[in-house]
C-alpha cells in the first residue's frame, strides 16, 4: 500500500489508485459470489487455470467469503466432469 506522504515516494494519488484498483477487484468478486450464492461452507470449482484472468473471480470470490476453492487435475475435469462435481459437492 502507498504512503500518504513521502518525499519523492508514493503519495496520496498513488494510494487512491491502489485502493480503487483493489476495491474494484473485491467488488467484482463479491458480486460474483452473491450471484453464485457462495459463502461459508460453499464449494467453488476453480474451472480454469489460476493464471487465466477469469479464474481470479473464482479464487477471490470463494476465499474472501469463506467458501472452499476446489482445484482438480485437468485430466479429472476433462475426463469425468460430472463425477468430479458430484464427489466434491460443487
N, C-alpha and C. Protein backbone atom coordinates (compact mmCIF):
# COMPACT_ATOMS: atom_id res chain seq x y z
N UNK A 1 0.84 -1.16 0.00
CA UNK A 1 0.00 0.00 0.00
C UNK A 1 0.89 1.23 0.00
N UNK A 2 0.48 2.27 -0.70
CA UNK A 2 1.24 3.52 -0.74
C UNK A 2 1.15 4.28 0.57
N UNK A 3 2.01 5.25 0.70
CA UNK A 3 2.01 6.07 1.90
C UNK A 3 1.27 7.37 1.62
N UNK A 4 0.71 7.97 2.67
CA UNK A 4 0.01 9.24 2.49
C UNK A 4 0.96 10.35 2.09
N UNK A 5 2.14 10.39 2.63
CA UNK A 5 3.12 11.38 2.22
C UNK A 5 4.51 10.81 2.41
N UNK A 6 5.33 11.06 1.42
CA UNK A 6 6.70 10.57 1.47
C UNK A 6 7.47 11.36 0.43
N UNK A 7 8.44 12.14 0.84
CA UNK A 7 9.19 12.98 -0.09
C UNK A 7 9.79 12.12 -1.19
N UNK A 8 9.35 12.35 -2.40
CA UNK A 8 9.87 11.61 -3.54
C UNK A 8 9.28 10.21 -3.70
N UNK A 9 8.41 9.78 -2.81
CA UNK A 9 7.83 8.44 -2.88
C UNK A 9 6.36 8.49 -3.22
N UNK A 10 5.67 7.38 -3.07
CA UNK A 10 4.23 7.34 -3.37
C UNK A 10 3.47 8.34 -2.51
N UNK A 11 2.54 9.01 -3.10
CA UNK A 11 1.74 10.00 -2.38
C UNK A 11 0.28 9.62 -2.35
N UNK A 12 -0.57 10.59 -2.07
CA UNK A 12 -2.00 10.35 -1.93
C UNK A 12 -2.61 9.83 -3.22
N UNK A 13 -2.17 10.34 -4.36
CA UNK A 13 -2.72 9.87 -5.64
C UNK A 13 -2.42 8.39 -5.85
N UNK A 14 -1.21 7.97 -5.51
CA UNK A 14 -0.84 6.57 -5.64
C UNK A 14 -1.67 5.70 -4.71
N UNK A 15 -1.86 6.15 -3.48
CA UNK A 15 -2.68 5.41 -2.52
C UNK A 15 -4.11 5.29 -3.03
N UNK A 16 -4.66 6.38 -3.54
CA UNK A 16 -6.03 6.38 -4.06
C UNK A 16 -6.15 5.39 -5.22
N UNK A 17 -5.17 5.39 -6.13
CA UNK A 17 -5.18 4.46 -7.27
C UNK A 17 -5.16 3.01 -6.79
N UNK A 18 -4.28 2.72 -5.85
CA UNK A 18 -4.16 1.34 -5.36
C UNK A 18 -5.43 0.88 -4.67
N UNK A 19 -6.02 1.72 -3.84
CA UNK A 19 -7.24 1.33 -3.14
C UNK A 19 -8.38 1.11 -4.12
N UNK A 20 -8.50 1.99 -5.13
CA UNK A 20 -9.56 1.82 -6.11
C UNK A 20 -9.38 0.55 -6.93
N UNK A 21 -8.14 0.26 -7.30
CA UNK A 21 -7.88 -0.94 -8.10
C UNK A 21 -8.26 -2.19 -7.31
N UNK A 22 -7.84 -2.28 -6.07
CA UNK A 22 -8.16 -3.45 -5.26
C UNK A 22 -9.64 -3.46 -4.86
N UNK A 23 -10.21 -2.30 -4.64
CA UNK A 23 -11.62 -2.22 -4.31
C UNK A 23 -12.50 -2.74 -5.43
N UNK A 24 -12.12 -2.44 -6.67
CA UNK A 24 -12.89 -2.92 -7.82
C UNK A 24 -12.80 -4.44 -7.92
N UNK A 25 -11.63 -5.00 -7.66
CA UNK A 25 -11.48 -6.45 -7.71
C UNK A 25 -12.33 -7.12 -6.64
N UNK A 26 -12.34 -6.55 -5.44
CA UNK A 26 -13.17 -7.12 -4.37
C UNK A 26 -14.65 -6.99 -4.69
N UNK A 27 -15.05 -5.83 -5.22
CA UNK A 27 -16.46 -5.63 -5.56
C UNK A 27 -16.90 -6.65 -6.61
N UNK A 28 -16.05 -6.90 -7.60
CA UNK A 28 -16.37 -7.90 -8.63
C UNK A 28 -16.50 -9.29 -8.00
N UNK A 29 -15.53 -9.65 -7.18
CA UNK A 29 -15.54 -10.98 -6.56
C UNK A 29 -16.76 -11.16 -5.69
N UNK A 30 -17.11 -10.15 -4.90
CA UNK A 30 -18.27 -10.26 -4.02
C UNK A 30 -19.58 -10.32 -4.81
N UNK A 31 -19.68 -9.55 -5.91
CA UNK A 31 -20.89 -9.60 -6.73
C UNK A 31 -21.03 -10.97 -7.38
N UNK A 32 -19.93 -11.52 -7.88
CA UNK A 32 -19.95 -12.85 -8.48
C UNK A 32 -20.36 -13.89 -7.45
N UNK A 33 -19.82 -13.76 -6.25
CA UNK A 33 -20.14 -14.70 -5.18
C UNK A 33 -21.61 -14.60 -4.78
N UNK A 34 -22.16 -13.39 -4.80
CA UNK A 34 -23.57 -13.22 -4.46
C UNK A 34 -24.46 -13.91 -5.49
N UNK A 35 -24.14 -13.72 -6.76
CA UNK A 35 -24.91 -14.35 -7.83
C UNK A 35 -24.84 -15.87 -7.73
N UNK A 36 -23.65 -16.38 -7.39
CA UNK A 36 -23.45 -17.83 -7.30
C UNK A 36 -23.75 -18.39 -5.92
N UNK A 37 -24.24 -17.53 -5.03
CA UNK A 37 -24.63 -17.91 -3.67
C UNK A 37 -23.51 -18.61 -2.91
N UNK A 38 -22.32 -18.01 -2.95
CA UNK A 38 -21.17 -18.55 -2.22
C UNK A 38 -21.11 -17.98 -0.81
N UNK A 39 -20.63 -18.76 0.10
CA UNK A 39 -20.45 -18.32 1.48
C UNK A 39 -19.76 -19.42 2.26
N UNK A 40 -19.65 -19.24 3.57
CA UNK A 40 -19.02 -20.28 4.40
C UNK A 40 -19.72 -21.62 4.18
N UNK A 41 -18.94 -22.66 3.96
CA UNK A 41 -19.49 -23.98 3.72
C UNK A 41 -19.73 -24.29 2.25
N UNK A 42 -19.69 -23.27 1.38
CA UNK A 42 -19.87 -23.50 -0.06
C UNK A 42 -18.58 -24.03 -0.67
N UNK A 43 -18.72 -24.61 -1.85
CA UNK A 43 -17.55 -25.08 -2.60
C UNK A 43 -17.60 -24.46 -3.99
N UNK A 44 -16.46 -23.96 -4.43
CA UNK A 44 -16.34 -23.32 -5.75
C UNK A 44 -15.29 -24.07 -6.55
N UNK A 45 -15.65 -24.56 -7.73
CA UNK A 45 -14.69 -25.21 -8.61
C UNK A 45 -13.83 -24.16 -9.29
N UNK A 46 -12.53 -24.34 -9.23
CA UNK A 46 -11.61 -23.50 -10.00
C UNK A 46 -11.65 -24.05 -11.41
N UNK A 47 -12.49 -23.45 -12.25
CA UNK A 47 -12.79 -24.01 -13.56
C UNK A 47 -11.78 -23.74 -14.64
N UNK A 48 -10.84 -22.85 -14.41
CA UNK A 48 -9.80 -22.58 -15.40
C UNK A 48 -8.47 -22.44 -14.67
N UNK A 49 -7.39 -22.44 -15.43
CA UNK A 49 -6.07 -22.34 -14.81
C UNK A 49 -5.98 -21.05 -14.00
N UNK A 50 -5.34 -21.13 -12.84
CA UNK A 50 -5.31 -19.98 -11.92
C UNK A 50 -4.62 -18.76 -12.51
N UNK A 51 -3.82 -18.91 -13.57
CA UNK A 51 -3.18 -17.75 -14.19
C UNK A 51 -4.08 -17.09 -15.23
N UNK A 52 -5.20 -17.70 -15.57
CA UNK A 52 -6.15 -17.14 -16.53
C UNK A 52 -7.02 -16.13 -15.79
N UNK A 53 -7.13 -14.91 -16.31
CA UNK A 53 -7.80 -13.82 -15.60
C UNK A 53 -9.17 -14.17 -15.03
N UNK A 54 -10.06 -14.84 -15.78
CA UNK A 54 -11.37 -15.16 -15.19
C UNK A 54 -11.31 -16.01 -13.93
N UNK A 55 -10.24 -16.75 -13.75
CA UNK A 55 -10.11 -17.57 -12.54
C UNK A 55 -10.02 -16.72 -11.29
N UNK A 56 -9.57 -15.48 -11.43
CA UNK A 56 -9.41 -14.63 -10.26
C UNK A 56 -10.75 -14.38 -9.56
N UNK A 57 -11.84 -14.29 -10.33
CA UNK A 57 -13.15 -14.15 -9.73
C UNK A 57 -13.53 -15.36 -8.89
N UNK A 58 -13.18 -16.55 -9.37
CA UNK A 58 -13.43 -17.77 -8.61
C UNK A 58 -12.60 -17.79 -7.33
N UNK A 59 -11.32 -17.47 -7.46
CA UNK A 59 -10.40 -17.52 -6.32
C UNK A 59 -10.81 -16.51 -5.26
N UNK A 60 -10.89 -15.24 -5.62
CA UNK A 60 -11.17 -14.21 -4.62
C UNK A 60 -12.60 -14.25 -4.12
N UNK A 61 -13.54 -14.61 -5.00
CA UNK A 61 -14.93 -14.73 -4.56
C UNK A 61 -15.09 -15.80 -3.49
N UNK A 62 -14.47 -16.94 -3.71
CA UNK A 62 -14.57 -18.04 -2.75
C UNK A 62 -13.82 -17.73 -1.46
N UNK A 63 -12.58 -17.32 -1.59
CA UNK A 63 -11.74 -17.19 -0.41
C UNK A 63 -12.08 -15.98 0.46
N UNK A 64 -12.61 -14.90 -0.11
CA UNK A 64 -12.97 -13.75 0.72
C UNK A 64 -14.27 -13.99 1.48
N UNK A 65 -15.05 -14.99 1.07
CA UNK A 65 -16.32 -15.24 1.74
C UNK A 65 -16.34 -16.54 2.53
N UNK A 66 -15.19 -17.19 2.66
CA UNK A 66 -15.12 -18.38 3.49
C UNK A 66 -15.52 -19.67 2.80
N UNK A 67 -15.68 -19.64 1.48
CA UNK A 67 -16.00 -20.86 0.74
C UNK A 67 -14.72 -21.65 0.50
N UNK A 68 -14.88 -22.90 0.10
CA UNK A 68 -13.74 -23.76 -0.22
C UNK A 68 -13.51 -23.73 -1.72
N UNK A 69 -12.28 -23.49 -2.12
CA UNK A 69 -11.91 -23.50 -3.53
C UNK A 69 -11.41 -24.90 -3.87
N UNK A 70 -12.06 -25.54 -4.84
CA UNK A 70 -11.71 -26.91 -5.22
C UNK A 70 -10.95 -26.86 -6.54
N UNK A 71 -9.70 -27.30 -6.52
CA UNK A 71 -8.87 -27.38 -7.73
C UNK A 71 -8.65 -28.85 -8.05
N UNK A 72 -9.06 -29.25 -9.22
CA UNK A 72 -8.95 -30.64 -9.65
C UNK A 72 -7.92 -30.77 -10.77
N UNK A 73 -7.28 -31.94 -10.91
CA UNK A 73 -6.37 -32.14 -12.05
C UNK A 73 -7.13 -32.00 -13.37
N UNK A 74 -6.47 -31.46 -14.38
CA UNK A 74 -7.11 -31.25 -15.68
C UNK A 74 -7.70 -32.55 -16.23
N UNK A 75 -6.99 -33.65 -16.07
CA UNK A 75 -7.48 -34.93 -16.59
C UNK A 75 -8.80 -35.33 -15.94
N UNK A 76 -8.95 -35.01 -14.67
CA UNK A 76 -10.20 -35.32 -13.98
C UNK A 76 -11.33 -34.48 -14.54
N UNK A 77 -11.05 -33.19 -14.72
CA UNK A 77 -12.09 -32.28 -15.22
C UNK A 77 -12.50 -32.65 -16.63
N UNK A 78 -11.52 -32.90 -17.48
CA UNK A 78 -11.84 -33.22 -18.88
C UNK A 78 -12.42 -34.61 -19.04
N UNK A 79 -11.95 -35.56 -18.24
CA UNK A 79 -12.37 -36.94 -18.41
C UNK A 79 -13.70 -37.29 -17.77
N UNK A 80 -14.00 -36.67 -16.64
CA UNK A 80 -15.21 -37.05 -15.90
C UNK A 80 -15.76 -35.86 -15.12
N UNK A 81 -16.13 -34.80 -15.83
CA UNK A 81 -16.57 -33.57 -15.16
C UNK A 81 -17.76 -33.80 -14.24
N UNK A 82 -18.76 -34.48 -14.68
CA UNK A 82 -19.95 -34.68 -13.85
C UNK A 82 -19.63 -35.46 -12.58
N UNK A 83 -18.84 -36.51 -12.68
CA UNK A 83 -18.48 -37.29 -11.50
C UNK A 83 -17.67 -36.45 -10.51
N UNK A 84 -16.75 -35.65 -11.03
CA UNK A 84 -15.91 -34.81 -10.16
C UNK A 84 -16.75 -33.78 -9.42
N UNK A 85 -17.68 -33.15 -10.10
CA UNK A 85 -18.53 -32.15 -9.45
C UNK A 85 -19.36 -32.78 -8.34
N UNK A 86 -19.91 -33.94 -8.60
CA UNK A 86 -20.72 -34.61 -7.59
C UNK A 86 -19.90 -35.04 -6.37
N UNK A 87 -18.73 -35.61 -6.61
CA UNK A 87 -17.93 -36.11 -5.49
C UNK A 87 -17.35 -35.00 -4.62
N UNK A 88 -17.22 -33.80 -5.16
CA UNK A 88 -16.70 -32.67 -4.38
C UNK A 88 -17.81 -31.72 -3.94
N UNK A 89 -19.05 -32.11 -4.14
CA UNK A 89 -20.22 -31.31 -3.74
C UNK A 89 -20.19 -29.89 -4.27
N UNK A 90 -19.75 -29.74 -5.51
CA UNK A 90 -19.72 -28.41 -6.14
C UNK A 90 -21.01 -28.20 -6.88
